[in-house]
Amino acid sequence: MRSMMIAIKMTVVLTVLLGILYPMVMVAVAHIAFPSQADGSLIYRNGVPIGSSLIGQNFKSSGYFRSRPSAAGDKGYDPTSSSGSNLGPTNKSFIDSVKQRLKIVLEENRGVQASQVPVDMVTASGSGLDPEISPAAAEIQVQRVAKARGVNEETVRDLVKSHTRPRWAGFLGEPGVNVIELNLALDQLPSGQPTAHK
């Protein structure tokens, strides 16, 4: 009976400490030290949340940069359906989807050759939620976006450069361009077109 009482007391104490107090302290510390990240890295426009810098979106207007394809959900970028396609490189469905995506990229970005299209523009990421594209994927879209907005290509190219994340510590990972942040910066250009965030 004595051993059982000790076990019950320890269970109660550890439940209170590790199941209630510790999570509350961690949440409080996160909100104080990293408020944006603790709230999901939300991006606001005019005080209204329109997305997260951690989750991609499906931009359709020619005046916006396109995100990496997504296999998460029917329309893509659904965080409740996060997953890759799990199709191998020799799978016919995978090959067909890559060909279809390549066709769309080439149709939308006139003058771009198939050999210039980076792999991240025709394949989905493992999570299907990737918010970034490679600098090369952004570069092939500069001409289309500049033309649709009626602005100089160099202006758009400079914006891409200023929104390109470098390798971490200078050598880890690959550079990336956060598409939603870049597209919101485009809306700040004097042309003001287009004004919707998609």
C-alpha atoms as a PDB file:
ATOM      1  CA  MET A   1       0.000   0.000   0.000  1.00  0.00           C
ATOM      2  CA  ARG A   2       2.895   2.350   0.843  1.00  0.00           C
ATOM      3  CA  SER A   3       4.450   1.783  -2.601  1.00  0.00           C
ATOM      4  CA  MET A   4       1.122   2.403  -4.294  1.00  0.00           C
ATOM      5  CA  MET A   5       0.658   5.717  -2.459  1.00  0.00           C
ATOM      6  CA  ILE A   6       4.166   6.822  -3.465  1.00  0.00           C
ATOM      7  CA  ALA A   7       3.410   5.923  -7.100  1.00  0.00           C
ATOM      8  CA  ILE A   8       0.113   7.848  -7.041  1.00  0.00           C
ATOM      9  CA  LYS A   9       1.754  10.925  -5.455  1.00  0.00           C
ATOM     10  CA  MET A  10       4.596  10.848  -7.998  1.00  0.00           C
ATOM     11  CA  THR A  11       2.098  10.535 -10.844  1.00  0.00           C
ATOM     12  CA  VAL A  12       0.156  13.556  -9.597  1.00  0.00           C
ATOM     13  CA  VAL A  13       3.296  15.651  -8.989  1.00  0.00           C
ATOM     14  CA  LEU A  14       4.852  14.798 -12.369  1.00  0.00           C
ATOM     15  CA  THR A  15       1.535  15.388 -14.173  1.00  0.00           C
ATOM     16  CA  VAL A  16       1.250  18.849 -12.640  1.00  0.00           C
ATOM     17  CA  LEU A  17       4.930  19.686 -13.246  1.00  0.00           C
ATOM     18  CA  LEU A  18       5.439  18.236 -16.725  1.00  0.00           C
ATOM     19  CA  GLY A  19       1.878  18.195 -18.055  1.00  0.00           C
ATOM     20  CA  ILE A  20       0.710  21.621 -16.893  1.00  0.00           C
ATOM     21  CA  LEU A  21       3.406  23.925 -15.478  1.00  0.00           C
ATOM     22  CA  TYR A  22       6.210  23.113 -17.929  1.00  0.00           C
ATOM     23  CA  PRO A  23       4.054  23.606 -21.091  1.00  0.00           C
ATOM     24  CA  MET A  24       2.659  26.877 -19.677  1.00  0.00           C
ATOM     25  CA  VAL A  25       6.154  28.196 -18.954  1.00  0.00           C
ATOM     26  CA  MET A  26       7.389  27.186 -22.431  1.00  0.00           C
ATOM     27  CA  VAL A  27       4.425  28.881 -24.125  1.00  0.00           C
ATOM     28  CA  ALA A  28       4.999  32.045 -22.076  1.00  0.00           C
ATOM     29  CA  VAL A  29       8.738  32.094 -22.862  1.00  0.00           C
ATOM     30  CA  ALA A  30       8.048  31.514 -26.568  1.00  0.00           C
ATOM     31  CA  HIS A  31       5.554  34.393 -26.696  1.00  0.00           C
ATOM     32  CA  ILE A  32       8.010  36.713 -24.948  1.00  0.00           C
ATOM     33  CA  ALA A  33      11.193  35.714 -26.802  1.00  0.00           C
ATOM     34  CA  PHE A  34       9.729  34.789 -30.226  1.00  0.00           C
ATOM     35  CA  PRO A  35       6.232  36.322 -30.487  1.00  0.00           C
ATOM     36  CA  SER A  36       5.861  36.043 -34.263  1.00  0.00           C
ATOM     37  CA  GLN A  37       7.049  32.444 -34.446  1.00  0.00           C
ATOM     38  CA  ALA A  38       4.950  31.434 -31.434  1.00  0.00           C
ATOM     39  CA  ASP A  39       1.843  32.685 -33.225  1.00  0.00           C
ATOM     40  CA  GLY A  40       2.588  30.719 -36.407  1.00  0.00           C
ATOM     41  CA  SER A  41       4.695  33.313 -38.282  1.00  0.00           C
ATOM     42  CA  LEU A  42       1.482  34.897 -39.547  1.00  0.00           C
ATOM     43  CA  ILE A  43       1.613  37.583 -42.235  1.00  0.00           C
ATOM     44  CA  TYR A  44      -0.860  40.445 -41.974  1.00  0.00           C
ATOM     45  CA  ARG A  45      -2.205  42.945 -44.476  1.00  0.00           C
ATOM     46  CA  ASN A  46      -4.174  45.872 -43.075  1.00  0.00           C
ATOM     47  CA  GLY A  47      -4.436  44.029 -39.746  1.00  0.00           C
ATOM     48  CA  VAL A  48      -5.927  40.905 -41.326  1.00  0.00           C
ATOM     49  CA  PRO A  49      -3.957  37.627 -41.376  1.00  0.00           C
ATOM     50  CA  ILE A  50      -3.555  36.452 -44.985  1.00  0.00           C
ATOM     51  CA  GLY A  51      -1.126  33.576 -44.531  1.00  0.00           C
ATOM     52  CA  SER A  52       1.989  32.313 -42.837  1.00  0.00           C
ATOM     53  CA  SER A  53       5.588  32.673 -43.951  1.00  0.00           C
ATOM     54  CA  LEU A  54       5.914  28.936 -43.203  1.00  0.00           C
ATOM     55  CA  ILE A  55       3.180  27.718 -45.584  1.00  0.00           C
ATOM     56  CA  GLY A  56       3.058  28.257 -49.337  1.00  0.00           C
ATOM     57  CA  GLN A  57       0.041  29.552 -51.233  1.00  0.00           C
ATOM     58  CA  ASN A  58      -1.319  28.981 -54.707  1.00  0.00           C
ATOM     59  CA  PHE A  59      -0.900  32.279 -56.597  1.00  0.00           C
ATOM     60  CA  LYS A  60      -2.695  32.417 -59.942  1.00  0.00           C
ATOM     61  CA  SER A  61      -2.456  35.996 -61.223  1.00  0.00           C
ATOM     62  CA  SER A  62       0.289  36.592 -63.806  1.00  0.00           C
ATOM     63  CA  GLY A  63       1.432  39.564 -61.719  1.00  0.00           C
ATOM     64  CA  TYR A  64       2.592  37.261 -58.928  1.00  0.00           C
ATOM     65  CA  PHE A  65       5.402  34.765 -58.578  1.00  0.00           C
ATOM     66  CA  ARG A  66       4.241  31.159 -58.557  1.00  0.00           C
ATOM     67  CA  SER A  67       4.931  28.900 -55.604  1.00  0.00           C
ATOM     68  CA  ARG A  68       6.370  25.425 -55.809  1.00  0.00           C
ATOM     69  CA  PRO A  69       3.725  22.822 -56.794  1.00  0.00           C
ATOM     70  CA  SER A  70       1.956  21.175 -53.876  1.00  0.00           C
ATOM     71  CA  ALA A  71       0.506  17.688 -53.425  1.00  0.00           C
ATOM     72  CA  ALA A  72      -1.111  18.604 -50.078  1.00  0.00           C
ATOM     73  CA  GLY A  73      -4.882  18.487 -50.557  1.00  0.00           C
ATOM     74  CA  ASP A  74      -7.028  18.959 -53.650  1.00  0.00           C
ATOM     75  CA  LYS A  75      -6.030  22.606 -54.158  1.00  0.00           C
ATOM     76  CA  GLY A  76      -2.563  22.319 -52.620  1.00  0.00           C
ATOM     77  CA  TYR A  77      -0.973  23.879 -49.534  1.00  0.00           C
ATOM     78  CA  ASP A  78      -3.553  22.343 -47.184  1.00  0.00           C
ATOM     79  CA  PRO A  79      -1.786  21.983 -43.803  1.00  0.00           C
ATOM     80  CA  THR A  80      -4.309  19.346 -42.716  1.00  0.00           C
ATOM     81  CA  SER A  81      -3.262  17.180 -45.682  1.00  0.00           C
ATOM     82  CA  SER A  82       0.483  17.766 -45.573  1.00  0.00           C
ATOM     83  CA  SER A  83       2.279  15.118 -47.606  1.00  0.00           C
ATOM     84  CA  GLY A  84       4.265  14.509 -50.729  1.00  0.00           C
ATOM     85  CA  SER A  85       3.034  12.517 -53.690  1.00  0.00           C
ATOM     86  CA  ASN A  86       5.254   9.559 -52.712  1.00  0.00           C
ATOM     87  CA  LEU A  87       5.655   8.701 -56.380  1.00  0.00           C
ATOM     88  CA  GLY A  88       9.037   7.497 -57.613  1.00  0.00           C
ATOM     89  CA  PRO A  89      10.910   9.043 -60.563  1.00  0.00           C
ATOM     90  CA  THR A  90       9.904   6.191 -62.892  1.00  0.00           C
ATOM     91  CA  ASN A  91       6.205   6.314 -61.962  1.00  0.00           C
ATOM     92  CA  LYS A  92       4.056   7.191 -64.996  1.00  0.00           C
ATOM     93  CA  SER A  93       1.745   9.480 -62.989  1.00  0.00           C
ATOM     94  CA  PHE A  94       4.751  11.371 -61.643  1.00  0.00           C
ATOM     95  CA  ILE A  95       6.297  11.754 -65.109  1.00  0.00           C
ATOM     96  CA  ASP A  96       2.962  12.919 -66.550  1.00  0.00           C
ATOM     97  CA  SER A  97       2.463  15.496 -63.777  1.00  0.00           C
ATOM     98  CA  VAL A  98       6.021  16.833 -64.252  1.00  0.00           C
ATOM     99  CA  LYS A  99       5.421  17.151 -68.018  1.00  0.00           C
ATOM    100  CA  GLN A 100       2.123  18.961 -67.395  1.00  0.00           C
ATOM    101  CA  ARG A 101       3.726  21.349 -64.897  1.00  0.00           C
ATOM    102  CA  LEU A 102       6.626  22.001 -67.274  1.00  0.00           C
ATOM    103  CA  LYS A 103       4.182  22.804 -70.067  1.00  0.00           C
ATOM    104  CA  ILE A 104       2.403  25.352 -67.842  1.00  0.00           C
ATOM    105  CA  VAL A 105       5.690  26.977 -66.761  1.00  0.00           C
ATOM    106  CA  LEU A 106       6.821  27.323 -70.394  1.00  0.00           C
ATOM    107  CA  GLU A 107       3.450  28.713 -71.519  1.00  0.00           C
ATOM    108  CA  GLU A 108       3.363  31.283 -68.737  1.00  0.00           C
ATOM    109  CA  ASN A 109       6.992  32.354 -69.045  1.00  0.00           C
ATOM    110  CA  ARG A 110       7.586  32.991 -72.738  1.00  0.00           C
ATOM    111  CA  GLY A 111      11.173  32.724 -73.905  1.00  0.00           C
ATOM    112  CA  VAL A 112      12.159  30.290 -71.147  1.00  0.00           C
ATOM    113  CA  GLN A 113      13.593  26.986 -72.376  1.00  0.00           C
ATOM    114  CA  ALA A 114      12.805  23.642 -70.727  1.00  0.00           C
ATOM    115  CA  SER A 115      16.469  23.280 -69.750  1.00  0.00           C
ATOM    116  CA  GLN A 116      16.229  26.544 -67.762  1.00  0.00           C
ATOM    117  CA  VAL A 117      13.334  25.406 -65.573  1.00  0.00           C
ATOM    118  CA  PRO A 118      14.556  24.433 -62.084  1.00  0.00           C
ATOM    119  CA  VAL A 119      13.322  21.148 -60.654  1.00  0.00           C
ATOM    120  CA  ASP A 120      11.444  22.908 -57.838  1.00  0.00           C
ATOM    121  CA  MET A 121       9.039  24.449 -60.375  1.00  0.00           C
ATOM    122  CA  VAL A 122       7.827  21.047 -61.581  1.00  0.00           C
ATOM    123  CA  THR A 123       8.012  18.863 -58.457  1.00  0.00           C
ATOM    124  CA  ALA A 124       6.266  19.119 -55.098  1.00  0.00           C
ATOM    125  CA  SER A 125       8.173  19.206 -51.831  1.00  0.00           C
ATOM    126  CA  GLY A 126       7.997  16.403 -49.266  1.00  0.00           C
ATOM    127  CA  SER A 127       5.517  18.323 -47.093  1.00  0.00           C
ATOM    128  CA  GLY A 128       3.587  19.936 -49.951  1.00  0.00           C
ATOM    129  CA  LEU A 129       3.673  23.186 -47.949  1.00  0.00           C
ATOM    130  CA  ASP A 130       7.032  24.634 -49.006  1.00  0.00           C
ATOM    131  CA  PRO A 131       6.805  28.461 -48.849  1.00  0.00           C
ATOM    132  CA  GLU A 132      10.023  28.993 -50.807  1.00  0.00           C
ATOM    133  CA  ILE A 133      11.319  28.612 -54.332  1.00  0.00           C
ATOM    134  CA  SER A 134      14.909  28.705 -55.512  1.00  0.00           C
ATOM    135  CA  PRO A 135      16.401  31.979 -56.802  1.00  0.00           C
ATOM    136  CA  ALA A 136      16.561  30.318 -60.254  1.00  0.00           C
ATOM    137  CA  ALA A 137      12.814  29.594 -60.100  1.00  0.00           C
ATOM    138  CA  ALA A 138      12.170  33.231 -59.245  1.00  0.00           C
ATOM    139  CA  GLU A 139      14.467  34.475 -62.025  1.00  0.00           C
ATOM    140  CA  ILE A 140      12.557  32.686 -64.804  1.00  0.00           C
ATOM    141  CA  GLN A 141       9.356  34.425 -63.631  1.00  0.00           C
ATOM    142  CA  VAL A 142      10.743  37.983 -63.466  1.00  0.00           C
ATOM    143  CA  GLN A 143       9.870  38.920 -67.055  1.00  0.00           C
ATOM    144  CA  ARG A 144       6.246  37.718 -66.758  1.00  0.00           C
ATOM    145  CA  VAL A 145       5.661  39.465 -63.434  1.00  0.00           C
ATOM    146  CA  ALA A 146       7.274  42.729 -64.583  1.00  0.00           C
ATOM    147  CA  LYS A 147       5.226  42.766 -67.791  1.00  0.00           C
ATOM    148  CA  ALA A 148       1.949  42.034 -65.982  1.00  0.00           C
ATOM    149  CA  ARG A 149       2.607  44.839 -63.499  1.00  0.00           C
ATOM    150  CA  GLY A 150       3.981  47.310 -66.030  1.00  0.00           C
ATOM    151  CA  VAL A 151       7.241  47.802 -64.161  1.00  0.00           C
ATOM    152  CA  ASN A 152      10.910  47.542 -65.103  1.00  0.00           C
ATOM    153  CA  GLU A 153      12.395  44.025 -64.960  1.00  0.00           C
ATOM    154  CA  GLU A 154      15.364  45.298 -62.964  1.00  0.00           C
ATOM    155  CA  THR A 155      12.994  46.629 -60.295  1.00  0.00           C
ATOM    156  CA  VAL A 156      11.427  43.181 -59.920  1.00  0.00           C
ATOM    157  CA  ARG A 157      14.834  41.480 -60.051  1.00  0.00           C
ATOM    158  CA  ASP A 158      16.133  43.754 -57.278  1.00  0.00           C
ATOM    159  CA  LEU A 159      13.081  42.887 -55.192  1.00  0.00           C
ATOM    160  CA  VAL A 160      13.807  39.173 -55.688  1.00  0.00           C
ATOM    161  CA  LYS A 161      17.406  39.696 -54.574  1.00  0.00           C
ATOM    162  CA  SER A 162      16.349  41.586 -51.464  1.00  0.00           C
ATOM    163  CA  HIS A 163      13.947  38.746 -50.558  1.00  0.00           C
ATOM    164  CA  THR A 164      16.429  35.923 -51.170  1.00  0.00           C
ATOM    165  CA  ARG A 165      17.406  34.113 -47.982  1.00  0.00           C
ATOM    166  CA  PRO A 166      21.095  33.136 -48.018  1.00  0.00           C
ATOM    167  CA  ARG A 167      22.552  29.835 -46.851  1.00  0.00           C
ATOM    168  CA  TRP A 168      22.428  29.546 -43.078  1.00  0.00           C
ATOM    169  CA  ALA A 169      25.823  30.470 -41.586  1.00  0.00           C
ATOM    170  CA  GLY A 170      27.035  30.916 -45.163  1.00  0.00           C
ATOM    171  CA  PHE A 171      27.309  27.230 -46.029  1.00  0.00           C
ATOM    172  CA  LEU A 172      24.311  25.208 -44.759  1.00  0.00           C
ATOM    173  CA  GLY A 173      21.287  24.618 -46.982  1.00  0.00           C
ATOM    174  CA  GLU A 174      20.387  26.393 -50.190  1.00  0.00           C
ATOM    175  CA  PRO A 175      19.256  29.989 -50.791  1.00  0.00           C
ATOM    176  CA  GLY A 176      15.499  30.451 -50.996  1.00  0.00           C
ATOM    177  CA  VAL A 177      12.876  33.052 -51.871  1.00  0.00           C
ATOM    178  CA  ASN A 178       9.730  33.205 -49.724  1.00  0.00           C
ATOM    179  CA  VAL A 179       6.980  33.591 -52.321  1.00  0.00           C
ATOM    180  CA  ILE A 180       4.238  35.157 -50.190  1.00  0.00           C
ATOM    181  CA  GLU A 181       6.631  37.746 -48.738  1.00  0.00           C
ATOM    182  CA  LEU A 182       7.958  38.561 -52.218  1.00  0.00           C
ATOM    183  CA  ASN A 183       4.455  38.909 -53.657  1.00  0.00           C
ATOM    184  CA  LEU A 184       3.387  41.197 -50.823  1.00  0.00           C
ATOM    185  CA  ALA A 185       6.476  43.342 -51.470  1.00  0.00           C
ATOM    186  CA  LEU A 186       5.446  43.523 -55.144  1.00  0.00           C
ATOM    187  CA  ASP A 187       2.138  45.029 -54.069  1.00  0.00           C
ATOM    188  CA  GLN A 188       4.081  47.855 -52.411  1.00  0.00           C
ATOM    189  CA  LEU A 189       5.563  48.944 -55.746  1.00  0.00           C
ATOM    190  CA  PRO A 190       4.285  52.275 -57.111  1.00  0.00           C
ATOM    191  CA  SER A 191       2.358  50.550 -59.920  1.00  0.00           C
ATOM    192  CA  GLY A 192       0.047  49.038 -57.293  1.00  0.00           C
ATOM    193  CA  GLN A 193      -0.993  46.175 -59.550  1.00  0.00           C
ATOM    194  CA  PRO A 194      -2.496  43.739 -58.856  1.00  0.00           C
ATOM    195  CA  THR A 195      -3.935  44.637 -55.484  1.00  0.00           C
ATOM    196  CA  ALA A 196      -5.309  41.255 -54.343  1.00  0.00           C
ATOM    197  CA  HIS A 197      -2.888  38.972 -52.506  1.00  0.00           C
ATOM    198  CA  LYS A 198      -3.618  36.047 -54.829  1.00  0.00           C
END
